[in-house]
């Protein structure tokens, strides 16, 4: 009888510890300096979602400063930004098969290379592998109104990126 009470007590303490640890981990993600953000849409019956860490400018030089030119960038903060699609899509005319993909970029002062990569579940771009690229597209960012936090949002059939004074968009169509 005594052993049963001890086992019940130990089990209860273990469960309480696990619950508190889980709550602490969730709380930490929400208190990041670059919070985890997402947006989603449905395009002609295809569900599309983007998830990204949203860094702030905080009086820093962003382009060719915090984000170096001509180097692969995770296009956000923390985990690599990724896109999920329930069906095949065309992005700027390129086929993106159903699934999840990291979005990396190579910014420069005049154009950006947008990369869709199979290895979507990774931290930053530290383990980026070009041989896992699905495709790359070139875009020309434009000057936009100041955005303190980096954002991705869907508007109609476009995915729009905006941060600091730059913006670009990608055209999306269901396949």
N, C-alpha and C. Protein backbone atom coordinates (compact mmCIF):
# COMPACT_ATOMS: atom_id res chain seq x y z
N UNK A 1 0.82 -1.19 0.00
CA UNK A 1 0.00 0.00 0.00
C UNK A 1 0.87 1.25 0.00
N UNK A 2 1.92 1.28 0.86
CA UNK A 2 2.79 2.44 0.92
C UNK A 2 3.51 2.66 -0.40
N UNK A 3 3.98 1.57 -1.03
CA UNK A 3 4.70 1.68 -2.28
C UNK A 3 3.80 2.25 -3.37
N UNK A 4 2.53 1.92 -3.35
CA UNK A 4 1.58 2.42 -4.34
C UNK A 4 1.42 3.93 -4.20
N UNK A 5 1.36 4.45 -2.97
CA UNK A 5 1.25 5.89 -2.74
C UNK A 5 2.51 6.61 -3.21
N UNK A 6 3.67 6.02 -2.97
CA UNK A 6 4.94 6.62 -3.41
C UNK A 6 4.99 6.67 -4.93
N UNK A 7 4.60 5.58 -5.58
CA UNK A 7 4.59 5.56 -7.05
C UNK A 7 3.62 6.60 -7.61
N UNK A 8 2.45 6.73 -6.99
CA UNK A 8 1.47 7.73 -7.43
C UNK A 8 2.04 9.13 -7.26
N UNK A 9 2.70 9.37 -6.12
CA UNK A 9 3.30 10.68 -5.87
C UNK A 9 4.39 10.99 -6.90
N UNK A 10 5.28 10.03 -7.16
CA UNK A 10 6.36 10.22 -8.13
C UNK A 10 5.79 10.47 -9.52
N UNK A 11 4.79 9.71 -9.90
CA UNK A 11 4.15 9.89 -11.22
C UNK A 11 3.53 11.28 -11.32
N UNK A 12 2.86 11.71 -10.26
CA UNK A 12 2.22 13.04 -10.25
C UNK A 12 3.26 14.15 -10.39
N UNK A 13 4.36 14.03 -9.67
CA UNK A 13 5.43 15.03 -9.75
C UNK A 13 6.02 15.05 -11.16
N UNK A 14 6.23 13.88 -11.73
CA UNK A 14 6.78 13.79 -13.09
C UNK A 14 5.83 14.47 -14.10
N UNK A 15 4.56 14.18 -14.02
CA UNK A 15 3.58 14.76 -14.95
C UNK A 15 3.52 16.27 -14.77
N UNK A 16 3.49 16.74 -13.53
CA UNK A 16 3.47 18.18 -13.28
C UNK A 16 4.73 18.85 -13.85
N UNK A 17 5.88 18.23 -13.68
CA UNK A 17 7.12 18.78 -14.23
C UNK A 17 7.08 18.84 -15.75
N UNK A 18 6.55 17.81 -16.37
CA UNK A 18 6.46 17.79 -17.84
C UNK A 18 5.52 18.88 -18.34
N UNK A 19 4.40 19.08 -17.66
CA UNK A 19 3.45 20.12 -18.04
C UNK A 19 4.09 21.51 -17.90
N UNK A 20 4.78 21.74 -16.79
CA UNK A 20 5.43 23.04 -16.58
C UNK A 20 6.54 23.28 -17.60
N UNK A 21 7.31 22.26 -17.91
CA UNK A 21 8.38 22.40 -18.91
C UNK A 21 7.80 22.71 -20.29
N UNK A 22 6.73 22.03 -20.65
CA UNK A 22 6.08 22.29 -21.94
C UNK A 22 5.55 23.72 -22.02
N UNK A 23 4.91 24.17 -20.96
CA UNK A 23 4.39 25.54 -20.93
C UNK A 23 5.52 26.55 -21.01
N UNK A 24 6.63 26.26 -20.34
CA UNK A 24 7.78 27.16 -20.39
C UNK A 24 8.36 27.25 -21.79
N UNK A 25 8.45 26.12 -22.49
CA UNK A 25 8.98 26.13 -23.87
C UNK A 25 8.08 26.93 -24.79
N UNK A 26 6.76 26.78 -24.67
CA UNK A 26 5.83 27.54 -25.50
C UNK A 26 5.95 29.03 -25.19
N UNK A 27 6.06 29.35 -23.91
CA UNK A 27 6.18 30.75 -23.50
C UNK A 27 7.45 31.37 -24.06
N UNK A 28 8.55 30.60 -24.06
CA UNK A 28 9.82 31.10 -24.57
C UNK A 28 9.71 31.43 -26.05
N UNK A 29 9.04 30.58 -26.85
CA UNK A 29 8.88 30.85 -28.28
C UNK A 29 8.12 32.14 -28.51
N UNK A 30 7.11 32.40 -27.69
CA UNK A 30 6.31 33.61 -27.86
C UNK A 30 7.04 34.86 -27.39
N UNK A 31 8.07 34.72 -26.55
CA UNK A 31 8.80 35.88 -26.03
C UNK A 31 10.10 36.13 -26.78
N UNK A 32 10.31 35.44 -27.89
CA UNK A 32 11.52 35.64 -28.68
C UNK A 32 11.59 37.09 -29.17
N UNK A 33 12.80 37.63 -29.33
CA UNK A 33 12.93 38.96 -29.93
C UNK A 33 12.39 38.98 -31.37
N UNK A 34 12.44 37.83 -32.04
CA UNK A 34 11.89 37.68 -33.40
C UNK A 34 10.80 36.62 -33.33
N UNK A 35 9.57 37.01 -32.99
CA UNK A 35 8.51 36.03 -32.75
C UNK A 35 8.17 35.21 -34.00
N UNK A 36 7.71 33.99 -33.75
CA UNK A 36 7.26 33.11 -34.81
C UNK A 36 5.92 33.61 -35.32
N UNK A 37 5.83 33.83 -36.64
CA UNK A 37 4.61 34.35 -37.26
C UNK A 37 4.20 33.41 -38.39
N UNK A 38 2.95 33.55 -38.84
CA UNK A 38 2.50 32.75 -39.98
C UNK A 38 1.36 33.48 -40.69
N UNK A 39 1.12 33.08 -41.91
CA UNK A 39 -0.04 33.54 -42.67
C UNK A 39 -0.46 32.38 -43.55
N UNK A 40 -1.72 32.35 -43.92
CA UNK A 40 -2.21 31.27 -44.77
C UNK A 40 -3.31 31.78 -45.67
N UNK A 41 -3.56 31.01 -46.72
CA UNK A 41 -4.60 31.35 -47.68
C UNK A 41 -5.05 30.07 -48.37
N UNK A 42 -6.11 30.18 -49.15
CA UNK A 42 -6.55 29.11 -50.02
C UNK A 42 -6.63 29.69 -51.42
N UNK A 43 -5.90 29.08 -52.35
CA UNK A 43 -5.87 29.54 -53.74
C UNK A 43 -6.45 28.43 -54.61
N UNK A 44 -7.63 28.68 -55.15
CA UNK A 44 -8.31 27.69 -56.00
C UNK A 44 -8.34 26.31 -55.34
N UNK A 45 -8.70 26.27 -54.06
CA UNK A 45 -8.83 25.02 -53.33
C UNK A 45 -7.54 24.49 -52.73
N UNK A 46 -6.40 25.13 -53.00
CA UNK A 46 -5.11 24.69 -52.46
C UNK A 46 -4.76 25.51 -51.23
N UNK A 47 -4.55 24.82 -50.11
CA UNK A 47 -4.17 25.49 -48.86
C UNK A 47 -2.68 25.80 -48.89
N UNK A 48 -2.34 27.05 -48.56
CA UNK A 48 -0.94 27.47 -48.55
C UNK A 48 -0.68 28.20 -47.24
N UNK A 49 0.43 27.89 -46.60
CA UNK A 49 0.79 28.50 -45.32
C UNK A 49 2.27 28.83 -45.33
N UNK A 50 2.63 29.97 -44.74
CA UNK A 50 4.03 30.34 -44.56
C UNK A 50 4.28 30.58 -43.07
N UNK A 51 5.43 30.12 -42.57
CA UNK A 51 5.82 30.27 -41.16
C UNK A 51 7.23 30.85 -41.14
N UNK A 52 7.44 31.89 -40.31
CA UNK A 52 8.73 32.58 -40.30
C UNK A 52 8.96 33.27 -38.96
N UNK A 53 10.24 33.48 -38.63
CA UNK A 53 10.62 34.31 -37.49
C UNK A 53 10.65 35.75 -37.98
N UNK A 54 10.02 36.66 -37.24
CA UNK A 54 9.85 38.05 -37.67
C UNK A 54 10.80 38.99 -36.93
N UNK A 55 12.00 39.23 -37.49
CA UNK A 55 12.93 40.14 -36.82
C UNK A 55 12.49 41.59 -36.94
N UNK A 56 13.03 42.44 -36.07
CA UNK A 56 12.74 43.88 -36.09
C UNK A 56 13.98 44.63 -36.54
N UNK A 57 13.76 45.81 -37.07
CA UNK A 57 14.87 46.67 -37.52
C UNK A 57 15.67 47.14 -36.31
N UNK A 58 15.00 47.66 -35.30
CA UNK A 58 15.64 48.14 -34.06
C UNK A 58 16.85 49.04 -34.33
N UNK A 59 16.68 50.02 -35.20
CA UNK A 59 17.75 50.99 -35.49
C UNK A 59 19.03 50.37 -36.03
N UNK A 60 18.91 49.22 -36.71
CA UNK A 60 20.09 48.58 -37.29
C UNK A 60 20.10 48.77 -38.80
N UNK A 61 21.28 48.67 -39.39
CA UNK A 61 21.39 48.65 -40.84
C UNK A 61 21.04 47.22 -41.26
N UNK A 62 20.00 47.08 -42.07
CA UNK A 62 19.52 45.75 -42.44
C UNK A 62 20.23 45.22 -43.67
N UNK A 63 20.08 45.92 -44.80
CA UNK A 63 20.60 45.41 -46.08
C UNK A 63 22.08 45.70 -46.23
N UNK A 64 22.84 44.63 -46.43
CA UNK A 64 24.29 44.64 -46.47
C UNK A 64 24.86 45.05 -45.11
N UNK A 65 24.11 44.73 -44.08
CA UNK A 65 24.50 44.93 -42.68
C UNK A 65 24.13 43.66 -41.94
N UNK A 66 23.01 43.70 -41.22
CA UNK A 66 22.51 42.51 -40.54
C UNK A 66 22.30 41.37 -41.54
N UNK A 67 21.77 41.70 -42.71
CA UNK A 67 21.58 40.72 -43.79
C UNK A 67 22.63 41.03 -44.87
N UNK A 68 23.69 40.22 -44.93
CA UNK A 68 24.75 40.50 -45.92
C UNK A 68 24.27 40.27 -47.35
N UNK A 69 24.81 41.04 -48.26
CA UNK A 69 24.54 40.83 -49.68
C UNK A 69 25.31 39.61 -50.18
N UNK A 70 24.72 38.96 -51.17
CA UNK A 70 25.35 37.86 -51.91
C UNK A 70 25.66 36.63 -51.05
N UNK A 71 24.89 36.44 -49.97
CA UNK A 71 25.01 35.25 -49.14
C UNK A 71 23.61 34.69 -48.91
N UNK A 72 23.52 33.37 -48.73
CA UNK A 72 22.24 32.73 -48.47
C UNK A 72 21.74 33.18 -47.10
N UNK A 73 20.49 33.63 -47.07
CA UNK A 73 19.84 34.09 -45.84
C UNK A 73 18.59 33.26 -45.60
N UNK A 74 18.27 32.97 -44.37
CA UNK A 74 17.09 32.18 -44.00
C UNK A 74 15.78 32.93 -44.25
N UNK A 75 15.87 34.20 -44.59
CA UNK A 75 14.72 35.05 -44.88
C UNK A 75 13.83 35.18 -43.64
N UNK A 76 14.44 35.56 -42.57
CA UNK A 76 13.76 35.72 -41.29
C UNK A 76 14.75 35.51 -40.17
N UNK A 77 14.25 35.01 -39.06
CA UNK A 77 15.10 34.75 -37.89
C UNK A 77 14.79 33.36 -37.35
N UNK A 78 15.73 32.84 -36.59
CA UNK A 78 15.58 31.54 -35.93
C UNK A 78 15.49 30.41 -36.95
N UNK A 79 14.41 29.61 -36.90
CA UNK A 79 14.25 28.52 -37.86
C UNK A 79 14.14 29.08 -39.27
N UNK A 80 14.47 28.25 -40.25
CA UNK A 80 14.31 28.68 -41.64
C UNK A 80 12.83 28.95 -41.92
N UNK A 81 12.57 30.01 -42.67
CA UNK A 81 11.21 30.28 -43.13
C UNK A 81 10.77 29.12 -44.01
N UNK A 82 9.50 28.69 -43.86
CA UNK A 82 9.04 27.61 -44.74
C UNK A 82 7.62 27.84 -45.21
N UNK A 83 7.32 27.22 -46.34
CA UNK A 83 5.99 27.29 -46.96
C UNK A 83 5.46 25.87 -47.07
N UNK A 84 4.17 25.70 -46.81
CA UNK A 84 3.51 24.40 -46.96
C UNK A 84 2.38 24.57 -47.96
N UNK A 85 2.21 23.58 -48.80
CA UNK A 85 1.12 23.61 -49.76
C UNK A 85 0.44 22.24 -49.81
N UNK A 86 -0.89 22.25 -49.87
CA UNK A 86 -1.65 21.00 -49.88
C UNK A 86 -1.70 20.37 -51.26
N UNK A 87 -1.39 21.13 -52.29
CA UNK A 87 -1.38 20.63 -53.68
C UNK A 87 -0.24 21.34 -54.42
N UNK A 88 0.06 20.88 -55.63
CA UNK A 88 1.08 21.52 -56.45
C UNK A 88 0.70 22.97 -56.73
N UNK A 89 1.71 23.83 -56.78
CA UNK A 89 1.52 25.25 -57.09
C UNK A 89 2.48 25.68 -58.19
N UNK A 90 2.16 26.79 -58.81
CA UNK A 90 3.11 27.48 -59.67
C UNK A 90 3.47 28.78 -58.96
N UNK A 91 4.76 29.00 -58.73
CA UNK A 91 5.22 30.23 -58.12
C UNK A 91 6.11 30.93 -59.14
N UNK A 92 5.66 32.10 -59.57
CA UNK A 92 6.34 32.81 -60.66
C UNK A 92 6.60 31.87 -61.84
N UNK A 93 5.62 31.01 -62.11
CA UNK A 93 5.69 30.10 -63.25
C UNK A 93 6.45 28.82 -63.01
N UNK A 94 7.06 28.64 -61.83
CA UNK A 94 7.84 27.44 -61.51
C UNK A 94 6.99 26.48 -60.68
N UNK A 95 7.13 25.18 -60.95
CA UNK A 95 6.35 24.17 -60.25
C UNK A 95 6.90 23.93 -58.84
N UNK A 96 6.04 24.10 -57.84
CA UNK A 96 6.35 23.74 -56.46
C UNK A 96 5.42 22.59 -56.10
N UNK A 97 5.95 21.36 -55.99
CA UNK A 97 5.10 20.21 -55.67
C UNK A 97 4.50 20.32 -54.27
N UNK A 98 3.38 19.65 -54.08
CA UNK A 98 2.73 19.55 -52.77
C UNK A 98 3.78 19.19 -51.72
N UNK A 99 3.76 19.88 -50.57
CA UNK A 99 4.69 19.58 -49.49
C UNK A 99 5.14 20.81 -48.74
N UNK A 100 6.26 20.68 -48.02
CA UNK A 100 6.83 21.77 -47.23
C UNK A 100 8.24 22.07 -47.73
N UNK A 101 8.56 23.38 -47.80
CA UNK A 101 9.84 23.81 -48.37
C UNK A 101 10.37 25.04 -47.63
N UNK A 102 11.68 25.05 -47.38
CA UNK A 102 12.33 26.24 -46.83
C UNK A 102 12.39 27.29 -47.92
N UNK A 103 12.30 28.55 -47.50
CA UNK A 103 12.50 29.66 -48.42
C UNK A 103 13.76 30.39 -47.96
N UNK A 104 14.78 30.33 -48.80
CA UNK A 104 16.01 31.06 -48.57
C UNK A 104 16.09 32.15 -49.62
N UNK A 105 16.88 33.17 -49.36
CA UNK A 105 17.10 34.23 -50.34
C UNK A 105 18.59 34.55 -50.40
N UNK A 106 18.97 35.09 -51.54
CA UNK A 106 20.31 35.67 -51.69
C UNK A 106 20.09 37.11 -52.12
N UNK A 107 20.07 38.04 -51.16
CA UNK A 107 19.82 39.44 -51.49
C UNK A 107 21.07 40.10 -52.10
N UNK A 108 20.84 41.06 -52.95
CA UNK A 108 21.91 41.94 -53.43
C UNK A 108 21.33 43.35 -53.48
N UNK A 109 22.12 44.31 -53.90
CA UNK A 109 21.62 45.68 -53.91
C UNK A 109 20.62 45.93 -55.04
N UNK A 110 20.53 45.02 -56.03
CA UNK A 110 19.62 45.27 -57.15
C UNK A 110 18.60 44.16 -57.40
N UNK A 111 18.93 42.91 -57.07
CA UNK A 111 17.98 41.82 -57.27
C UNK A 111 18.19 40.76 -56.20
N UNK A 112 17.18 39.93 -56.04
CA UNK A 112 17.25 38.85 -55.05
C UNK A 112 16.99 37.53 -55.74
N UNK A 113 17.67 36.50 -55.29
CA UNK A 113 17.37 35.14 -55.70
C UNK A 113 16.53 34.51 -54.58
N UNK A 114 15.35 34.02 -54.96
CA UNK A 114 14.46 33.35 -54.00
C UNK A 114 14.61 31.86 -54.25
N UNK A 115 14.91 31.11 -53.18
CA UNK A 115 15.21 29.68 -53.28
C UNK A 115 14.15 28.88 -52.52
N UNK A 116 13.62 27.86 -53.16
CA UNK A 116 12.71 26.91 -52.52
C UNK A 116 13.48 25.61 -52.38
N UNK A 117 13.64 25.14 -51.12
CA UNK A 117 14.54 24.05 -50.80
C UNK A 117 13.79 22.96 -50.04
N UNK A 118 14.08 21.70 -50.37
CA UNK A 118 13.39 20.56 -49.75
C UNK A 118 13.63 20.43 -48.25
N UNK A 119 14.77 20.89 -47.75
CA UNK A 119 15.09 20.70 -46.34
C UNK A 119 14.53 21.86 -45.52
N UNK A 120 13.22 21.81 -45.27
CA UNK A 120 12.49 22.92 -44.68
C UNK A 120 12.64 22.99 -43.16
N UNK A 121 12.90 21.89 -42.51
CA UNK A 121 12.89 21.86 -41.04
C UNK A 121 14.32 21.98 -40.51
N UNK A 122 14.85 23.20 -40.54
CA UNK A 122 16.22 23.41 -40.08
C UNK A 122 16.35 24.78 -39.42
N UNK A 123 17.40 24.93 -38.66
CA UNK A 123 17.67 26.19 -37.98
C UNK A 123 18.50 27.07 -38.90
N UNK A 124 17.99 28.26 -39.18
CA UNK A 124 18.73 29.20 -40.01
C UNK A 124 19.05 28.65 -41.38
N UNK A 125 20.19 29.05 -41.91
CA UNK A 125 20.67 28.56 -43.21
C UNK A 125 22.02 27.87 -43.04
N UNK A 126 22.33 27.47 -41.81
CA UNK A 126 23.64 26.92 -41.52
C UNK A 126 23.90 25.59 -42.21
N UNK A 127 22.83 24.85 -42.50
CA UNK A 127 22.98 23.55 -43.16
C UNK A 127 22.33 23.56 -44.54
N UNK A 128 22.22 24.73 -45.12
CA UNK A 128 21.64 24.87 -46.46
C UNK A 128 22.45 24.04 -47.46
N UNK A 129 21.73 23.28 -48.28
CA UNK A 129 22.36 22.45 -49.30
C UNK A 129 21.76 22.79 -50.65
N UNK A 130 22.55 23.39 -51.56
CA UNK A 130 22.02 23.75 -52.88
C UNK A 130 21.46 22.57 -53.66
N UNK A 131 21.98 21.36 -53.42
CA UNK A 131 21.47 20.20 -54.16
C UNK A 131 20.05 19.81 -53.73
N UNK A 132 19.53 20.43 -52.66
CA UNK A 132 18.15 20.18 -52.24
C UNK A 132 17.20 21.27 -52.75
N UNK A 133 17.71 22.19 -53.58
CA UNK A 133 16.84 23.23 -54.15
C UNK A 133 15.83 22.61 -55.11
N UNK A 134 14.60 23.06 -55.02
CA UNK A 134 13.56 22.68 -55.98
C UNK A 134 13.67 23.60 -57.19
N UNK A 135 13.77 24.91 -56.92
CA UNK A 135 14.00 25.90 -57.97
C UNK A 135 14.37 27.23 -57.34
N UNK A 136 14.84 28.13 -58.19
CA UNK A 136 15.18 29.50 -57.80
C UNK A 136 14.48 30.45 -58.76
N UNK A 137 14.06 31.60 -58.24
CA UNK A 137 13.51 32.66 -59.08
C UNK A 137 14.19 33.98 -58.71
N UNK A 138 14.29 34.85 -59.68
CA UNK A 138 14.86 36.17 -59.46
C UNK A 138 13.74 37.19 -59.31
N UNK A 139 13.89 38.10 -58.35
CA UNK A 139 12.94 39.20 -58.17
C UNK A 139 13.73 40.50 -58.00
N UNK A 140 13.05 41.58 -58.28
CA UNK A 140 13.64 42.90 -58.05
C UNK A 140 12.85 43.58 -56.95
N UNK A 141 13.42 43.70 -55.76
CA UNK A 141 12.70 44.37 -54.67
C UNK A 141 12.45 45.83 -55.02
N UNK A 142 11.40 46.36 -54.43
CA UNK A 142 11.05 47.77 -54.63
C UNK A 142 11.07 48.48 -53.29
N UNK A 143 11.22 49.80 -53.37
CA UNK A 143 11.10 50.60 -52.14
C UNK A 143 9.65 50.57 -51.70
N UNK A 144 9.45 50.43 -50.41
CA UNK A 144 8.11 50.42 -49.85
C UNK A 144 8.08 51.27 -48.60
N UNK A 145 6.92 51.34 -47.99
CA UNK A 145 6.82 52.09 -46.73
C UNK A 145 7.56 51.31 -45.63
N UNK A 146 8.06 52.01 -44.65
CA UNK A 146 8.86 51.41 -43.59
C UNK A 146 8.05 50.38 -42.80
N UNK A 147 8.64 49.20 -42.61
CA UNK A 147 8.07 48.14 -41.78
C UNK A 147 9.10 47.77 -40.73
N UNK A 148 8.80 48.00 -39.47
CA UNK A 148 9.71 47.67 -38.38
C UNK A 148 9.96 46.16 -38.32
N UNK A 149 8.92 45.36 -38.47
CA UNK A 149 9.05 43.91 -38.42
C UNK A 149 8.93 43.31 -39.81
N UNK A 150 9.75 42.30 -40.06
CA UNK A 150 9.66 41.57 -41.32
C UNK A 150 8.33 40.82 -41.37
N UNK A 151 7.67 40.89 -42.52
CA UNK A 151 6.41 40.18 -42.68
C UNK A 151 6.33 39.48 -44.03
N UNK A 152 5.60 38.39 -44.04
CA UNK A 152 5.12 37.74 -45.25
C UNK A 152 3.60 37.75 -45.12
N UNK A 153 2.90 38.08 -46.20
CA UNK A 153 1.44 37.98 -46.16
C UNK A 153 0.94 37.62 -47.54
N UNK A 154 -0.17 36.91 -47.54
CA UNK A 154 -0.84 36.56 -48.79
C UNK A 154 -1.87 37.63 -49.09
N UNK A 155 -1.87 38.10 -50.31
CA UNK A 155 -2.91 39.02 -50.80
C UNK A 155 -3.31 38.54 -52.18
N UNK A 156 -4.56 38.09 -52.31
CA UNK A 156 -4.99 37.54 -53.58
C UNK A 156 -4.10 36.36 -53.94
N UNK A 157 -3.55 36.38 -55.14
CA UNK A 157 -2.67 35.31 -55.59
C UNK A 157 -1.21 35.72 -55.49
N UNK A 158 -0.87 36.47 -54.46
CA UNK A 158 0.51 36.89 -54.27
C UNK A 158 0.96 36.65 -52.84
N UNK A 159 2.25 36.31 -52.71
CA UNK A 159 2.91 36.27 -51.41
C UNK A 159 3.80 37.50 -51.38
N UNK A 160 3.57 38.36 -50.39
CA UNK A 160 4.28 39.64 -50.32
C UNK A 160 5.23 39.65 -49.12
N UNK A 161 6.48 40.00 -49.39
CA UNK A 161 7.51 40.17 -48.37
C UNK A 161 7.69 41.67 -48.16
N UNK A 162 7.82 42.10 -46.90
CA UNK A 162 8.12 43.50 -46.60
C UNK A 162 8.95 43.57 -45.33
N UNK A 163 10.01 44.38 -45.39
CA UNK A 163 10.81 44.65 -44.20
C UNK A 163 11.67 45.87 -44.46
N UNK A 164 11.80 46.68 -43.43
CA UNK A 164 12.53 47.94 -43.51
C UNK A 164 11.89 48.73 -44.64
N UNK A 165 12.62 49.11 -45.68
CA UNK A 165 12.01 49.85 -46.78
C UNK A 165 11.94 49.05 -48.08
N UNK A 166 12.04 47.71 -47.99
CA UNK A 166 12.00 46.88 -49.20
C UNK A 166 10.80 45.95 -49.21
N UNK A 167 10.32 45.67 -50.40
CA UNK A 167 9.22 44.73 -50.59
C UNK A 167 9.38 44.01 -51.91
N UNK A 168 8.88 42.79 -51.99
CA UNK A 168 8.78 42.07 -53.26
C UNK A 168 7.59 41.13 -53.16
N UNK A 169 7.12 40.65 -54.30
CA UNK A 169 6.01 39.72 -54.29
C UNK A 169 6.28 38.57 -55.24
N UNK A 170 5.65 37.45 -54.94
CA UNK A 170 5.70 36.26 -55.78
C UNK A 170 4.28 35.93 -56.21
N UNK A 171 4.11 35.62 -57.48
CA UNK A 171 2.80 35.23 -58.00
C UNK A 171 2.57 33.74 -57.73
N UNK A 172 1.38 33.40 -57.25
CA UNK A 172 1.06 32.01 -56.92
C UNK A 172 -0.21 31.60 -57.67
N UNK A 173 -0.15 30.44 -58.29
CA UNK A 173 -1.32 29.86 -58.96
C UNK A 173 -1.42 28.40 -58.60
N UNK A 174 -2.65 27.92 -58.51
CA UNK A 174 -2.85 26.47 -58.33
C UNK A 174 -2.48 25.78 -59.64
N UNK A 175 -1.92 24.61 -59.54
CA UNK A 175 -1.49 23.86 -60.73
C UNK A 175 -2.66 23.13 -61.32
